[in-house]
Amino acid sequence: MSKKAVMVFSGGQDSTTCLIQALPLYDEVHCITFDYGQRHVAEIEVAQKLAKQLGATVHKVMDVSLLNELAISSLTRDNIPVPTVSSSGESLPSTFVPGRNILFLTLASIYAYQVKAETVITGVCETDFSGYPDCRDEFVKALNKALELGMEYKLRLYTPLMWLNKAETWALADYHNQLELVREQTLTCYNGIIGTGCGNCDACNLRARGLNEYLQNKADVMHSLKHKLQLK
């Protein structure tokens, strides 16, 4: 029986690094990109290009525009400005899209059920992130249990980046000899600029800070990565 995984794939740094890591580990990797009327259609185009370039078995783009009607965010509304730094205090940043990962992981799990995949992979992380509650390990584990109960299907929501910082995520891309591809061809920027991005938004700040840390301390960061993931 072939080993299959479903990947929630946005074409950003994190999900692309997850795809690079997953491809040698599974017989089939099915990528799903969700079109929820996000601010920049370029995200979908980048995901399509990278899934094909890297060799995903299947790549589907699913229309979930209903989310846009329900979730008001600076990533779903052009008239809400993208913040340049993380929000402080108790409030969530305006880039938070409420329910996004609940919906994405649920739909990806239904797809996994249909194609008999045992794993759904997502690049969420709670080490270096923007404070979104649906990126936390506690949330993923709770949803995983609910999905198994609701479908009577053994399924793993796998989060390979959960405990990695951004420098270690860059190291993981480099470990698989794809640092330049992730650096130049992925889209993480909230303002829709591929590669190094706008340099001002929170996503670009996180990405650049992690890359600089990795490039300045390659040996130490790679050692930390290998220890966390038990890589050779």
Protein backbone atom coordinates (compact mmCIF):
# COMPACT_ATOMS: atom_id res chain seq x y z
CA MET A 1 0.00 0.00 0.00
CA SER A 2 1.43 3.35 -1.01
CA LYS A 3 2.25 5.96 1.62
CA LYS A 4 0.33 9.16 0.94
CA ALA A 5 0.22 12.64 2.42
CA VAL A 6 -1.92 15.70 1.80
CA MET A 7 -0.17 19.07 2.03
CA VAL A 8 -1.87 22.38 2.83
CA PHE A 9 0.18 24.41 0.37
CA SER A 10 0.31 28.20 0.02
CA GLY A 11 3.58 28.61 -1.87
CA GLY A 12 5.10 30.45 1.09
CA GLN A 13 8.39 29.72 2.82
CA ASP A 14 6.95 27.37 5.42
CA SER A 15 4.67 25.20 3.29
CA THR A 16 7.25 25.00 0.49
CA THR A 17 9.89 23.83 2.96
CA CYS A 18 7.42 21.25 4.25
CA LEU A 19 6.78 20.04 0.70
CA ILE A 20 10.52 19.74 0.02
CA GLN A 21 10.91 17.68 3.19
CA ALA A 22 7.87 15.47 2.47
CA LEU A 23 8.51 14.51 -1.15
CA PRO A 24 11.22 11.89 -0.44
CA LEU A 25 9.21 10.44 2.48
CA TYR A 26 5.94 9.61 0.72
CA ASP A 27 4.95 7.76 -2.44
CA GLU A 28 2.36 10.42 -3.15
CA VAL A 29 2.08 14.03 -1.95
CA HIS A 30 -1.19 15.77 -2.80
CA CYS A 31 -1.05 19.55 -2.47
CA ILE A 32 -4.13 21.66 -1.81
CA THR A 33 -4.14 25.43 -2.17
CA PHE A 34 -7.19 27.32 -0.95
CA ASP A 35 -8.55 30.30 -2.85
CA TYR A 36 -10.37 32.33 -0.21
CA GLY A 37 -10.26 35.66 -2.02
CA GLN A 38 -6.95 36.49 -0.39
CA ARG A 39 -5.45 39.89 -1.01
CA HIS A 40 -3.02 38.65 -3.67
CA VAL A 41 -3.89 36.13 -6.36
CA ALA A 42 -0.12 35.79 -6.89
CA GLU A 43 -0.11 33.41 -3.91
CA ILE A 44 -2.13 30.86 -5.89
CA GLU A 45 0.02 31.29 -9.01
CA VAL A 46 3.22 30.77 -6.99
CA ALA A 47 1.77 27.65 -5.36
CA GLN A 48 0.81 26.21 -8.76
CA LYS A 49 4.27 26.83 -10.16
CA LEU A 50 6.15 25.41 -7.17
CA ALA A 51 3.98 22.30 -6.81
CA LYS A 52 4.66 21.44 -10.45
CA GLN A 53 8.34 22.36 -10.28
CA LEU A 54 9.02 20.31 -7.15
CA GLY A 55 7.04 17.29 -8.34
CA ALA A 56 3.90 17.04 -6.22
CA THR A 57 1.71 14.12 -7.29
CA VAL A 58 -1.43 16.24 -7.49
CA HIS A 59 -2.10 19.93 -6.94
CA LYS A 60 -5.64 21.17 -6.41
CA VAL A 61 -6.85 24.74 -5.99
CA MET A 62 -10.09 24.78 -4.02
CA ASP A 63 -12.55 27.66 -3.95
CA VAL A 64 -13.42 28.55 -0.36
CA SER A 65 -14.50 32.13 -1.03
CA LEU A 66 -17.19 31.79 1.64
CA LEU A 67 -14.38 32.35 4.17
CA ASN A 68 -13.81 35.81 2.72
CA GLU A 69 -17.43 36.76 3.43
CA LEU A 70 -17.15 35.66 7.05
CA ALA A 71 -13.59 36.52 8.03
CA ILE A 72 -12.67 40.20 8.07
CA SER A 73 -8.89 40.65 7.95
CA SER A 74 -6.27 42.75 6.23
CA LEU A 75 -5.54 39.64 4.15
CA THR A 76 -9.14 39.53 2.90
CA ARG A 77 -9.93 43.24 2.66
CA ASP A 78 -7.98 45.75 0.57
CA ASN A 79 -9.21 48.65 2.69
CA ILE A 80 -7.60 47.32 5.89
CA PRO A 81 -3.88 48.20 5.97
CA VAL A 82 -1.29 45.47 6.49
CA PRO A 83 0.61 46.13 9.74
CA THR A 84 4.33 46.74 9.58
CA VAL A 85 5.04 45.21 12.99
CA SER A 86 3.35 42.61 15.17
CA SER A 87 0.51 43.84 17.29
CA SER A 88 1.31 44.04 20.98
CA GLY A 89 -0.77 43.28 24.02
CA GLU A 90 -3.83 41.07 23.90
CA SER A 91 -5.16 42.01 20.47
CA LEU A 92 -4.52 39.80 17.46
CA PRO A 93 -2.86 41.36 14.38
CA SER A 94 -5.19 42.46 11.60
CA THR A 95 -3.66 39.76 9.38
CA PHE A 96 -5.33 37.05 11.46
CA VAL A 97 -8.05 35.30 9.41
CA PRO A 98 -10.40 33.74 11.99
CA GLY A 99 -11.20 30.10 11.28
CA ARG A 100 -8.78 29.80 8.36
CA ASN A 101 -6.77 26.85 9.63
CA ILE A 102 -9.87 25.21 11.10
CA LEU A 103 -11.41 25.23 7.62
CA PHE A 104 -8.24 24.40 5.68
CA LEU A 105 -7.22 21.46 7.86
CA THR A 106 -10.77 20.11 7.95
CA LEU A 107 -11.13 20.21 4.17
CA ALA A 108 -7.64 18.75 3.68
CA SER A 109 -8.56 15.93 6.06
CA ILE A 110 -11.75 15.16 4.12
CA TYR A 111 -9.62 14.99 0.99
CA ALA A 112 -7.15 12.71 2.79
CA TYR A 113 -10.04 10.41 3.71
CA GLN A 114 -11.06 10.18 0.05
CA VAL A 115 -7.57 9.37 -1.29
CA LYS A 116 -6.69 7.16 1.71
CA ALA A 117 -3.82 9.35 2.89
CA GLU A 118 -2.77 8.86 6.50
CA THR A 119 -1.14 12.26 7.00
CA VAL A 120 -2.09 15.90 6.49
CA ILE A 121 0.90 18.23 6.59
CA THR A 122 0.77 21.91 7.49
CA GLY A 123 3.57 24.43 8.01
CA VAL A 124 2.14 26.09 11.11
CA CYS A 125 4.57 26.98 13.89
CA GLU A 126 4.30 28.54 17.34
CA THR A 127 7.99 29.37 17.84
CA ASP A 128 8.45 32.29 15.41
CA PHE A 129 4.96 33.36 14.39
CA SER A 130 2.54 36.26 14.38
CA GLY A 131 0.54 35.14 17.41
CA TYR A 132 -2.28 33.38 15.56
CA PRO A 133 -4.14 30.97 17.90
CA ASP A 134 -4.76 28.49 15.06
CA CYS A 135 -1.02 27.94 14.62
CA ARG A 136 -0.53 26.50 18.10
CA ASP A 137 0.21 22.88 18.91
CA GLU A 138 -2.70 22.71 21.36
CA PHE A 139 -5.15 23.68 18.61
CA VAL A 140 -3.74 21.20 16.07
CA LYS A 141 -3.89 18.30 18.53
CA ALA A 142 -7.48 19.16 19.51
CA LEU A 143 -8.60 19.39 15.87
CA ASN A 144 -6.78 16.15 15.04
CA LYS A 145 -8.77 14.33 17.72
CA ALA A 146 -12.06 15.86 16.57
CA LEU A 147 -11.43 14.88 12.94
CA GLU A 148 -10.62 11.30 13.87
CA LEU A 149 -13.78 11.08 15.95
CA GLY A 150 -15.92 12.74 13.29
CA MET A 151 -14.73 10.58 10.38
CA GLU A 152 -13.78 7.37 12.22
CA TYR A 153 -10.52 7.52 10.33
CA LYS A 154 -6.96 7.26 11.62
CA LEU A 155 -5.28 10.49 10.60
CA ARG A 156 -2.24 12.50 11.65
CA LEU A 157 -2.07 16.26 11.36
CA TYR A 158 1.70 16.62 11.00
CA THR A 159 3.40 19.93 11.83
CA PRO A 160 7.12 19.49 11.10
CA LEU A 161 7.91 23.17 11.75
CA MET A 162 5.96 23.51 15.01
CA TRP A 163 8.99 23.81 17.28
CA LEU A 164 11.45 25.29 14.78
CA ASN A 165 12.36 28.96 14.71
CA LYS A 166 12.64 30.75 11.38
CA ALA A 167 16.42 30.29 11.24
CA GLU A 168 15.96 26.53 11.63
CA THR A 169 13.29 26.53 8.92
CA TRP A 170 15.82 28.13 6.58
CA ALA A 171 18.33 25.49 7.67
CA LEU A 172 15.84 22.76 6.77
CA ALA A 173 15.53 24.13 3.23
CA ASP A 174 19.33 24.24 3.02
CA TYR A 175 19.61 20.69 4.38
CA HIS A 176 17.59 19.59 1.33
CA ASN A 177 19.69 21.79 -0.99
CA GLN A 178 16.78 24.11 -1.79
CA LEU A 179 17.71 27.27 0.10
CA GLU A 180 17.89 29.45 -3.02
CA LEU A 181 14.58 28.18 -4.38
CA VAL A 182 12.82 29.01 -1.11
CA ARG A 183 14.63 32.33 -0.89
CA GLU A 184 13.87 33.50 -4.43
CA GLN A 185 10.62 31.80 -5.50
CA THR A 186 8.30 31.59 -2.49
CA LEU A 187 5.74 34.21 -1.50
CA THR A 188 5.47 35.05 2.20
CA CYS A 189 5.03 38.82 1.98
CA TYR A 190 1.66 40.23 3.07
CA ASN A 191 2.00 42.78 0.26
CA GLY A 192 2.31 40.07 -2.40
CA ILE A 193 5.96 40.50 -3.42
CA ILE A 194 7.76 37.24 -4.28
CA GLY A 195 11.16 36.41 -2.79
CA THR A 196 12.58 38.91 -0.34
CA GLY A 197 9.22 40.71 -0.29
CA CYS A 198 8.44 44.30 0.64
CA GLY A 199 10.76 44.24 3.65
CA ASN A 200 8.26 46.14 5.81
CA CYS A 201 5.41 43.81 6.76
CA ASP A 202 5.48 41.45 9.71
CA ALA A 203 5.88 38.35 7.51
CA CYS A 204 8.91 39.87 5.77
CA ASN A 205 10.42 40.87 9.11
CA LEU A 206 10.13 37.34 10.48
CA ARG A 207 11.50 35.84 7.29
CA ALA A 208 14.47 38.22 6.96
CA ARG A 209 15.42 37.99 10.62
CA GLY A 210 15.45 34.20 10.44
CA LEU A 211 17.50 34.14 7.26
CA ASN A 212 20.07 36.56 8.69
CA GLU A 213 20.38 34.50 11.85
CA TYR A 214 20.89 31.33 9.82
CA LEU A 215 23.48 32.84 7.46
CA GLN A 216 25.44 34.27 10.38
CA ASN A 217 25.36 31.10 12.48
CA LYS A 218 25.01 28.27 9.96
CA ALA A 219 26.80 25.53 11.88
CA ASP A 220 25.03 26.17 15.17
CA VAL A 221 21.57 26.52 13.62
CA MET A 222 22.02 23.39 11.51
CA HIS A 223 23.16 21.46 14.58
CA SER A 224 20.05 22.62 16.46
CA LEU A 225 17.82 21.64 13.54
CA LYS A 226 19.33 18.16 13.30
CA HIS A 227 18.94 17.67 17.02
CA LYS A 228 15.26 18.68 16.96
CA LEU A 229 14.38 16.60 13.90
CA GLN A 230 16.96 13.86 14.51
CA LEU A 231 18.44 14.31 11.05
CA LYS A 232 21.77 12.77 10.09
